[in-house]
Amino acid sequence: MIKPTKSHGRIAISASRQPRALMQDQPDIAGAWKAKVLTLYPEMFPGILGQSLTGTALKDGLWGLEPLDIRRFGRGKHRNVDDTPAGGGAGMVLRADVVAEALDAAQTPHSRADWPVIYLSPRGKRFDQATAQRLSRAKGMTLLCGRFEGVDQRVLDARKVEEISLGDFILTGGEIAAQAMIDACVRLLPNVLGNQQSFEQESFSDGLLEHPHYTRPSIWEGHEIPEILLSGHHGKIAAWRQQQAETITKTRRDDLWQAYKAKK
């Protein structure tokens, strides 16, 4: 018979390989969405995630962050984590055995649907708002930050790791992409953003880019706020914003516009 995990209120209590106080300064709340990050540079976290709304939510325990140092699983005296690519070529490749042990250490009892394991890779499926929504509905996610030329394909296949790309460009490592993805997911969690309408009406939520925004003063350097926005007629304002969103999307992102028309 498996004994239930002990807890005090919502604070989770579980075994750890090193004192939890040395790993994080935020509460580990039972049931809260969590991001586990496998990286060679754990000191990069929380980084920007420790600021603004995501930082406040992290301190309040609305979500959790657990960086895990891949070099802990390195080989030999110098904790080597990489080796030369099979078949020759430039650069180095993260070893399958090292990455496998790191992934296994971060393993959770959840299924891949409830807890996706993701490798930040330029050849992965492009990250978008729909993916952020899917990941935010999970119980958490594990992110593998690559370095050098990449990761031995065998461990990605064996551990059923999903590959996701932030976009069609190359970074020196996956840490920046990981922080961007976590930010996009965390802001969708309950009580983080504060105003549900803030992300229901923003870009990509309905397949369109967002309409323009204006605020006071009503006239700035000779430029006026569109008169319709000052009319108080909510129906006409909504129609204007929809028309603006469609026009901007059609002009700037033909791929989104074609997908939007097909969906409609």
C-alpha atoms as a PDB file:
ATOM      1  CA  MET A   1       0.000   0.000   0.000  1.00  0.00           C
ATOM      2  CA  ILE A   2       1.389   3.391  -1.011  1.00  0.00           C
ATOM      3  CA  LYS A   3       1.384   5.889   1.820  1.00  0.00           C
ATOM      4  CA  PRO A   4      -0.024   9.331   0.988  1.00  0.00           C
ATOM      5  CA  THR A   5       2.396  12.250   0.714  1.00  0.00           C
ATOM      6  CA  LYS A   6       2.591  14.196   3.954  1.00  0.00           C
ATOM      7  CA  SER A   7       1.659  17.841   3.858  1.00  0.00           C
ATOM      8  CA  HIS A   8       0.972  20.722   6.171  1.00  0.00           C
ATOM      9  CA  GLY A   9      -1.949  22.660   4.734  1.00  0.00           C
ATOM     10  CA  ARG A  10      -1.042  23.098   1.071  1.00  0.00           C
ATOM     11  CA  ILE A  11       2.733  23.032   1.647  1.00  0.00           C
ATOM     12  CA  ALA A  12       4.133  19.874   0.041  1.00  0.00           C
ATOM     13  CA  ILE A  13       6.690  17.824   1.987  1.00  0.00           C
ATOM     14  CA  SER A  14       8.853  15.426  -0.010  1.00  0.00           C
ATOM     15  CA  ALA A  15      12.371  13.999  -0.085  1.00  0.00           C
ATOM     16  CA  SER A  16      15.056  16.090  -1.776  1.00  0.00           C
ATOM     17  CA  ARG A  17      18.675  15.427  -2.804  1.00  0.00           C
ATOM     18  CA  GLN A  18      19.758  18.750  -1.294  1.00  0.00           C
ATOM     19  CA  PRO A  19      18.218  21.100   1.289  1.00  0.00           C
ATOM     20  CA  ARG A  20      15.185  22.736  -0.268  1.00  0.00           C
ATOM     21  CA  ALA A  21      16.140  26.084   1.241  1.00  0.00           C
ATOM     22  CA  LEU A  22      19.227  26.083  -0.969  1.00  0.00           C
ATOM     23  CA  MET A  23      17.183  25.520  -4.127  1.00  0.00           C
ATOM     24  CA  GLN A  24      14.367  28.023  -3.847  1.00  0.00           C
ATOM     25  CA  ASP A  25      13.001  30.823  -1.725  1.00  0.00           C
ATOM     26  CA  GLN A  26       9.367  30.377  -2.709  1.00  0.00           C
ATOM     27  CA  PRO A  27       6.837  28.031  -1.063  1.00  0.00           C
ATOM     28  CA  ASP A  28       6.332  24.610  -2.647  1.00  0.00           C
ATOM     29  CA  ILE A  29       2.539  24.531  -2.746  1.00  0.00           C
ATOM     30  CA  ALA A  30       0.884  21.141  -3.134  1.00  0.00           C
ATOM     31  CA  GLY A  31      -1.109  20.983  -6.358  1.00  0.00           C
ATOM     32  CA  ALA A  32       0.319  24.219  -7.785  1.00  0.00           C
ATOM     33  CA  TRP A  33       1.476  24.211 -11.419  1.00  0.00           C
ATOM     34  CA  LYS A  34       5.237  23.742 -11.546  1.00  0.00           C
ATOM     35  CA  ALA A  35       8.034  24.089 -14.109  1.00  0.00           C
ATOM     36  CA  LYS A  36      11.073  21.849 -13.718  1.00  0.00           C
ATOM     37  CA  VAL A  37      14.038  23.093 -15.748  1.00  0.00           C
ATOM     38  CA  LEU A  38      17.017  20.906 -16.634  1.00  0.00           C
ATOM     39  CA  THR A  39      19.932  23.208 -17.418  1.00  0.00           C
ATOM     40  CA  LEU A  40      23.705  23.591 -17.202  1.00  0.00           C
ATOM     41  CA  TYR A  41      23.085  27.062 -15.760  1.00  0.00           C
ATOM     42  CA  PRO A  42      20.546  26.795 -12.924  1.00  0.00           C
ATOM     43  CA  GLU A  43      21.703  30.193 -11.632  1.00  0.00           C
ATOM     44  CA  MET A  44      19.898  31.744 -14.624  1.00  0.00           C
ATOM     45  CA  PHE A  45      16.599  30.999 -12.882  1.00  0.00           C
ATOM     46  CA  PRO A  46      14.232  32.489 -11.935  1.00  0.00           C
ATOM     47  CA  GLY A  47      15.760  35.361 -13.920  1.00  0.00           C
ATOM     48  CA  ILE A  48      13.038  37.536 -15.443  1.00  0.00           C
ATOM     49  CA  LEU A  49      10.456  35.120 -14.019  1.00  0.00           C
ATOM     50  CA  GLY A  50      11.243  36.463 -10.551  1.00  0.00           C
ATOM     51  CA  GLN A  51       9.984  39.930 -11.495  1.00  0.00           C
ATOM     52  CA  SER A  52       6.588  41.582 -12.006  1.00  0.00           C
ATOM     53  CA  LEU A  53       3.428  39.438 -11.984  1.00  0.00           C
ATOM     54  CA  THR A  54       5.186  36.106 -12.470  1.00  0.00           C
ATOM     55  CA  GLY A  55       7.589  36.907  -9.631  1.00  0.00           C
ATOM     56  CA  THR A  56       4.779  37.879  -7.281  1.00  0.00           C
ATOM     57  CA  ALA A  57       2.851  34.733  -8.194  1.00  0.00           C
ATOM     58  CA  LEU A  58       5.988  32.652  -7.593  1.00  0.00           C
ATOM     59  CA  LYS A  59       6.475  34.159  -4.125  1.00  0.00           C
ATOM     60  CA  ASP A  60       2.777  33.605  -3.371  1.00  0.00           C
ATOM     61  CA  GLY A  61       2.995  29.946  -4.375  1.00  0.00           C
ATOM     62  CA  LEU A  62       0.589  30.206  -7.317  1.00  0.00           C
ATOM     63  CA  TRP A  63       3.192  28.299  -9.314  1.00  0.00           C
ATOM     64  CA  GLY A  64       6.503  26.611  -8.623  1.00  0.00           C
ATOM     65  CA  LEU A  65       9.950  26.550 -10.226  1.00  0.00           C
ATOM     66  CA  GLU A  66      12.573  23.851  -9.777  1.00  0.00           C
ATOM     67  CA  PRO A  67      15.873  24.250 -11.673  1.00  0.00           C
ATOM     68  CA  LEU A  68      17.954  21.077 -11.877  1.00  0.00           C
ATOM     69  CA  ASP A  69      21.673  21.178 -12.745  1.00  0.00           C
ATOM     70  CA  ILE A  70      22.468  18.695 -15.534  1.00  0.00           C
ATOM     71  CA  ARG A  71      26.163  18.778 -14.592  1.00  0.00           C
ATOM     72  CA  ARG A  72      25.351  16.927 -11.376  1.00  0.00           C
ATOM     73  CA  PHE A  73      24.956  13.863 -13.584  1.00  0.00           C
ATOM     74  CA  GLY A  74      28.152  14.422 -15.568  1.00  0.00           C
ATOM     75  CA  ARG A  75      30.815  11.769 -15.985  1.00  0.00           C
ATOM     76  CA  GLY A  76      34.259  11.572 -14.488  1.00  0.00           C
ATOM     77  CA  LYS A  77      36.316  13.910 -12.350  1.00  0.00           C
ATOM     78  CA  HIS A  78      35.264  16.966 -14.337  1.00  0.00           C
ATOM     79  CA  ARG A  79      31.558  16.065 -14.616  1.00  0.00           C
ATOM     80  CA  ASN A  80      31.662  15.921 -18.414  1.00  0.00           C
ATOM     81  CA  VAL A  81      28.205  16.200 -19.966  1.00  0.00           C
ATOM     82  CA  ASP A  82      29.029  16.229 -23.673  1.00  0.00           C
ATOM     83  CA  ASP A  83      31.125  14.516 -26.330  1.00  0.00           C
ATOM     84  CA  THR A  84      32.054  14.840 -29.996  1.00  0.00           C
ATOM     85  CA  PRO A  85      29.276  14.122 -32.544  1.00  0.00           C
ATOM     86  CA  ALA A  86      29.192  10.628 -34.051  1.00  0.00           C
ATOM     87  CA  GLY A  87      30.099  10.820 -37.721  1.00  0.00           C
ATOM     88  CA  GLY A  88      32.197  13.928 -37.203  1.00  0.00           C
ATOM     89  CA  GLY A  89      31.324  17.583 -37.399  1.00  0.00           C
ATOM     90  CA  ALA A  90      31.717  20.750 -35.405  1.00  0.00           C
ATOM     91  CA  GLY A  91      30.666  21.304 -31.825  1.00  0.00           C
ATOM     92  CA  MET A  92      29.706  18.944 -29.011  1.00  0.00           C
ATOM     93  CA  VAL A  93      26.564  16.949 -28.187  1.00  0.00           C
ATOM     94  CA  LEU A  94      24.980  16.409 -24.763  1.00  0.00           C
ATOM     95  CA  ARG A  95      25.331  12.735 -23.843  1.00  0.00           C
ATOM     96  CA  ALA A  96      22.308  10.426 -23.755  1.00  0.00           C
ATOM     97  CA  ASP A  97      23.296   8.781 -20.450  1.00  0.00           C
ATOM     98  CA  VAL A  98      23.799  12.111 -18.689  1.00  0.00           C
ATOM     99  CA  VAL A  99      20.555  13.649 -19.955  1.00  0.00           C
ATOM    100  CA  ALA A 100      18.642  10.433 -19.188  1.00  0.00           C
ATOM    101  CA  GLU A 101      19.698  10.514 -15.547  1.00  0.00           C
ATOM    102  CA  ALA A 102      18.724  14.178 -15.285  1.00  0.00           C
ATOM    103  CA  LEU A 103      15.309  13.486 -16.820  1.00  0.00           C
ATOM    104  CA  ASP A 104      14.785  10.493 -14.535  1.00  0.00           C
ATOM    105  CA  ALA A 105      15.661  12.617 -11.494  1.00  0.00           C
ATOM    106  CA  ALA A 106      12.996  15.119 -12.546  1.00  0.00           C
ATOM    107  CA  GLN A 107      10.426  12.406 -13.198  1.00  0.00           C
ATOM    108  CA  THR A 108       6.920  12.798 -11.796  1.00  0.00           C
ATOM    109  CA  PRO A 109       4.116  10.239 -11.327  1.00  0.00           C
ATOM    110  CA  HIS A 110       2.029  12.024 -13.951  1.00  0.00           C
ATOM    111  CA  SER A 111       1.400  11.033 -17.552  1.00  0.00           C
ATOM    112  CA  ARG A 112       2.916  13.000 -20.438  1.00  0.00           C
ATOM    113  CA  ALA A 113      -0.498  14.568 -21.026  1.00  0.00           C
ATOM    114  CA  ASP A 114      -0.610  15.849 -17.444  1.00  0.00           C
ATOM    115  CA  TRP A 115       3.093  16.673 -17.282  1.00  0.00           C
ATOM    116  CA  PRO A 116       4.763  17.231 -20.684  1.00  0.00           C
ATOM    117  CA  VAL A 117       8.525  16.802 -21.008  1.00  0.00           C
ATOM    118  CA  ILE A 118       9.880  19.267 -23.557  1.00  0.00           C
ATOM    119  CA  TYR A 119      13.225  19.854 -25.243  1.00  0.00           C
ATOM    120  CA  LEU A 120      13.715  23.454 -26.404  1.00  0.00           C
ATOM    121  CA  SER A 121      14.856  22.797 -29.961  1.00  0.00           C
ATOM    122  CA  PRO A 122      14.981  24.941 -33.140  1.00  0.00           C
ATOM    123  CA  ARG A 123      13.673  21.966 -35.089  1.00  0.00           C
ATOM    124  CA  GLY A 124      10.644  21.487 -32.853  1.00  0.00           C
ATOM    125  CA  LYS A 125       7.045  22.476 -33.463  1.00  0.00           C
ATOM    126  CA  ARG A 126       6.714  26.249 -33.226  1.00  0.00           C
ATOM    127  CA  PHE A 127       5.450  27.515 -29.877  1.00  0.00           C
ATOM    128  CA  ASP A 128       2.175  29.444 -30.039  1.00  0.00           C
ATOM    129  CA  GLN A 129      -0.647  30.617 -27.792  1.00  0.00           C
ATOM    130  CA  ALA A 130      -2.583  27.384 -28.227  1.00  0.00           C
ATOM    131  CA  THR A 131       0.455  25.452 -26.974  1.00  0.00           C
ATOM    132  CA  ALA A 132       0.787  27.813 -24.008  1.00  0.00           C
ATOM    133  CA  GLN A 133      -2.855  27.187 -23.136  1.00  0.00           C
ATOM    134  CA  ARG A 134      -2.366  23.411 -23.396  1.00  0.00           C
ATOM    135  CA  LEU A 135       0.707  23.462 -21.162  1.00  0.00           C
ATOM    136  CA  SER A 136      -0.921  25.764 -18.601  1.00  0.00           C
ATOM    137  CA  ARG A 137      -3.775  23.269 -18.233  1.00  0.00           C
ATOM    138  CA  ALA A 138      -1.326  20.490 -17.316  1.00  0.00           C
ATOM    139  CA  LYS A 139      -0.135  19.904 -13.766  1.00  0.00           C
ATOM    140  CA  GLY A 140       3.281  21.191 -14.753  1.00  0.00           C
ATOM    141  CA  MET A 141       6.042  20.646 -17.284  1.00  0.00           C
ATOM    142  CA  THR A 142       9.699  19.659 -17.475  1.00  0.00           C
ATOM    143  CA  LEU A 143      11.917  21.665 -19.822  1.00  0.00           C
ATOM    144  CA  LEU A 144      15.262  20.443 -21.116  1.00  0.00           C
ATOM    145  CA  CYS A 145      17.560  23.324 -22.081  1.00  0.00           C
ATOM    146  CA  GLY A 146      20.004  22.278 -24.773  1.00  0.00           C
ATOM    147  CA  ARG A 147      23.508  23.629 -25.297  1.00  0.00           C
ATOM    148  CA  PHE A 148      26.256  23.150 -27.861  1.00  0.00           C
ATOM    149  CA  GLU A 149      25.066  21.297 -31.002  1.00  0.00           C
ATOM    150  CA  GLY A 150      22.131  19.661 -29.243  1.00  0.00           C
ATOM    151  CA  VAL A 151      21.156  16.453 -27.438  1.00  0.00           C
ATOM    152  CA  ASP A 152      21.773  12.820 -28.371  1.00  0.00           C
ATOM    153  CA  GLN A 153      18.634  11.785 -30.264  1.00  0.00           C
ATOM    154  CA  ARG A 154      18.439   8.424 -28.489  1.00  0.00           C
ATOM    155  CA  VAL A 155      17.470   9.914 -25.144  1.00  0.00           C
ATOM    156  CA  LEU A 156      14.817  12.124 -26.761  1.00  0.00           C
ATOM    157  CA  ASP A 157      13.283   9.051 -28.379  1.00  0.00           C
ATOM    158  CA  ALA A 158      13.635   6.777 -25.359  1.00  0.00           C
ATOM    159  CA  ARG A 159      12.127   9.251 -22.894  1.00  0.00           C
ATOM    160  CA  LYS A 160       9.417  10.412 -25.324  1.00  0.00           C
ATOM    161  CA  VAL A 161      10.503  14.040 -25.152  1.00  0.00           C
ATOM    162  CA  GLU A 162       8.436  16.589 -27.079  1.00  0.00           C
ATOM    163  CA  GLU A 163      10.420  19.136 -29.115  1.00  0.00           C
ATOM    164  CA  ILE A 164       9.219  22.757 -29.234  1.00  0.00           C
ATOM    165  CA  SER A 165      10.827  25.782 -30.897  1.00  0.00           C
ATOM    166  CA  LEU A 166      10.382  29.391 -29.846  1.00  0.00           C
ATOM    167  CA  GLY A 167      10.844  30.508 -33.454  1.00  0.00           C
ATOM    168  CA  ASP A 168      12.955  30.296 -36.585  1.00  0.00           C
ATOM    169  CA  PHE A 169      16.189  31.560 -35.054  1.00  0.00           C
ATOM    170  CA  ILE A 170      19.089  30.138 -33.049  1.00  0.00           C
ATOM    171  CA  LEU A 171      19.982  30.934 -29.431  1.00  0.00           C
ATOM    172  CA  THR A 172      23.118  29.934 -27.543  1.00  0.00           C
ATOM    173  CA  GLY A 173      21.023  27.751 -25.248  1.00  0.00           C
ATOM    174  CA  GLY A 174      17.496  26.867 -24.253  1.00  0.00           C
ATOM    175  CA  GLU A 175      17.327  28.948 -21.070  1.00  0.00           C
ATOM    176  CA  ILE A 176      15.926  32.123 -22.646  1.00  0.00           C
ATOM    177  CA  ALA A 177      13.371  30.094 -24.595  1.00  0.00           C
ATOM    178  CA  ALA A 178      12.427  28.217 -21.419  1.00  0.00           C
ATOM    179  CA  GLN A 179      11.811  31.450 -19.523  1.00  0.00           C
ATOM    180  CA  ALA A 180       9.687  32.798 -22.367  1.00  0.00           C
ATOM    181  CA  MET A 181       7.588  29.625 -22.478  1.00  0.00           C
ATOM    182  CA  ILE A 182       7.147  29.530 -18.713  1.00  0.00           C
ATOM    183  CA  ASP A 183       6.074  33.182 -18.684  1.00  0.00           C
ATOM    184  CA  ALA A 184       3.506  32.535 -21.416  1.00  0.00           C
ATOM    185  CA  CYS A 185       2.065  29.620 -19.416  1.00  0.00           C
ATOM    186  CA  VAL A 186       2.163  31.148 -15.937  1.00  0.00           C
ATOM    187  CA  ARG A 187       0.208  34.249 -16.956  1.00  0.00           C
ATOM    188  CA  LEU A 188      -2.660  31.943 -17.982  1.00  0.00           C
ATOM    189  CA  LEU A 189      -2.890  30.326 -14.543  1.00  0.00           C
ATOM    190  CA  PRO A 190      -5.805  31.291 -12.263  1.00  0.00           C
ATOM    191  CA  ASN A 191      -5.274  34.426 -10.133  1.00  0.00           C
ATOM    192  CA  VAL A 192      -1.919  35.325 -11.720  1.00  0.00           C
ATOM    193  CA  LEU A 193      -3.050  37.988 -14.167  1.00  0.00           C
ATOM    194  CA  GLY A 194      -5.960  39.226 -12.079  1.00  0.00           C
ATOM    195  CA  ASN A 195      -8.189  40.183 -15.011  1.00  0.00           C
ATOM    196  CA  GLN A 196      -9.524  37.259 -17.071  1.00  0.00           C
ATOM    197  CA  GLN A 197     -10.408  39.591 -19.939  1.00  0.00           C
ATOM    198  CA  SER A 198      -6.769  40.655 -20.265  1.00  0.00           C
ATOM    199  CA  PHE A 199      -5.798  37.463 -22.039  1.00  0.00           C
ATOM    200  CA  GLU A 200      -9.196  36.652 -23.535  1.00  0.00           C
ATOM    201  CA  GLN A 201      -8.951  39.769 -25.725  1.00  0.00           C
ATOM    202  CA  GLU A 202      -5.231  39.781 -26.548  1.00  0.00           C
ATOM    203  CA  SER A 203      -3.326  38.740 -29.664  1.00  0.00           C
ATOM    204  CA  PHE A 204      -3.732  35.118 -30.862  1.00  0.00           C
ATOM    205  CA  SER A 205      -6.556  34.305 -28.426  1.00  0.00           C
ATOM    206  CA  ASP A 206      -9.058  34.203 -31.287  1.00  0.00           C
ATOM    207  CA  GLY A 207      -6.563  33.700 -34.119  1.00  0.00           C
ATOM    208  CA  LEU A 208      -6.061  37.414 -34.798  1.00  0.00           C
ATOM    209  CA  LEU A 209      -3.479  39.989 -33.815  1.00  0.00           C
ATOM    210  CA  GLU A 210      -4.747  42.440 -31.228  1.00  0.00           C
ATOM    211  CA  HIS A 211      -6.359  45.792 -32.053  1.00  0.00           C
ATOM    212  CA  PRO A 212      -4.504  49.074 -31.239  1.00  0.00           C
ATOM    213  CA  HIS A 213      -4.693  50.580 -27.750  1.00  0.00           C
ATOM    214  CA  TYR A 214      -4.986  54.215 -26.663  1.00  0.00           C
ATOM    215  CA  THR A 215      -5.144  56.149 -23.397  1.00  0.00           C
ATOM    216  CA  ARG A 216      -4.934  59.730 -22.081  1.00  0.00           C
ATOM    217  CA  PRO A 217      -4.169  62.407 -23.075  1.00  0.00           C
ATOM    218  CA  SER A 218      -6.840  62.451 -25.766  1.00  0.00           C
ATOM    219  CA  ILE A 219      -4.577  64.572 -27.987  1.00  0.00           C
ATOM    220  CA  TRP A 220      -0.820  63.969 -28.006  1.00  0.00           C
ATOM    221  CA  GLU A 221       1.543  65.826 -30.351  1.00  0.00           C
ATOM    222  CA  GLY A 222      -1.419  66.512 -32.616  1.00  0.00           C
ATOM    223  CA  HIS A 223      -2.517  62.868 -32.731  1.00  0.00           C
ATOM    224  CA  GLU A 224      -6.041  62.174 -31.479  1.00  0.00           C
ATOM    225  CA  ILE A 225      -7.602  59.052 -30.035  1.00  0.00           C
ATOM    226  CA  PRO A 226     -10.038  57.586 -32.621  1.00  0.00           C
ATOM    227  CA  GLU A 227     -13.401  59.229 -32.007  1.00  0.00           C
ATOM    228  CA  ILE A 228     -15.270  55.911 -31.828  1.00  0.00           C
ATOM    229  CA  LEU A 229     -13.367  54.958 -28.654  1.00  0.00           C
ATOM    230  CA  LEU A 230     -14.679  58.069 -26.880  1.00  0.00           C
ATOM    231  CA  SER A 231     -18.287  57.537 -27.990  1.00  0.00           C
ATOM    232  CA  GLY A 232     -19.308  55.274 -25.109  1.00  0.00           C
ATOM    233  CA  HIS A 233     -21.111  53.014 -27.615  1.00  0.00           C
ATOM    234  CA  HIS A 234     -19.785  49.588 -26.613  1.00  0.00           C
ATOM    235  CA  GLY A 235     -21.256  47.756 -29.581  1.00  0.00           C
ATOM    236  CA  LYS A 236     -19.644  50.090 -32.104  1.00  0.00           C
ATOM    237  CA  ILE A 237     -16.362  50.023 -30.180  1.00  0.00           C
ATOM    238  CA  ALA A 238     -16.332  46.207 -30.269  1.00  0.00           C
ATOM    239  CA  ALA A 239     -17.027  46.221 -34.014  1.00  0.00           C
ATOM    240  CA  TRP A 240     -14.249  48.774 -34.599  1.00  0.00           C
ATOM    241  CA  ARG A 241     -11.754  46.723 -32.603  1.00  0.00           C
ATOM    242  CA  GLN A 242     -12.702  43.575 -34.498  1.00  0.00           C
ATOM    243  CA  GLN A 243     -12.255  45.354 -37.822  1.00  0.00           C
ATOM    244  CA  GLN A 244      -8.882  46.729 -36.724  1.00  0.00           C
ATOM    245  CA  ALA A 245      -7.716  43.286 -35.590  1.00  0.00           C
ATOM    246  CA  GLU A 246      -8.711  41.749 -38.916  1.00  0.00           C
ATOM    247  CA  THR A 247      -7.010  44.496 -40.924  1.00  0.00           C
ATOM    248  CA  ILE A 248      -3.759  44.300 -38.943  1.00  0.00           C
ATOM    249  CA  THR A 249      -3.675  40.513 -39.154  1.00  0.00           C
ATOM    250  CA  LYS A 250      -4.358  40.515 -42.893  1.00  0.00           C
ATOM    251  CA  THR A 251      -1.634  43.111 -43.468  1.00  0.00           C
ATOM    252  CA  ARG A 252       1.072  41.759 -41.174  1.00  0.00           C
ATOM    253  CA  ARG A 253       0.532  37.997 -40.826  1.00  0.00           C
ATOM    254  CA  ASP A 254      -0.901  36.332 -43.909  1.00  0.00           C
ATOM    255  CA  ASP A 255      -0.411  32.891 -42.314  1.00  0.00           C
ATOM    256  CA  LEU A 256      -2.672  33.802 -39.385  1.00  0.00           C
ATOM    257  CA  TRP A 257      -5.167  35.498 -41.688  1.00  0.00           C
ATOM    258  CA  GLN A 258      -5.499  32.430 -43.940  1.00  0.00           C
ATOM    259  CA  ALA A 259      -5.949  30.177 -40.893  1.00  0.00           C
ATOM    260  CA  TYR A 260      -8.545  32.567 -39.447  1.00  0.00           C
ATOM    261  CA  LYS A 261     -10.526  32.633 -42.705  1.00  0.00           C
ATOM    262  CA  ALA A 262     -10.427  28.858 -42.957  1.00  0.00           C
ATOM    263  CA  LYS A 263     -11.665  28.510 -39.387  1.00  0.00           C
ATOM    264  CA  LYS A 264     -14.457  31.024 -39.939  1.00  0.00           C
END
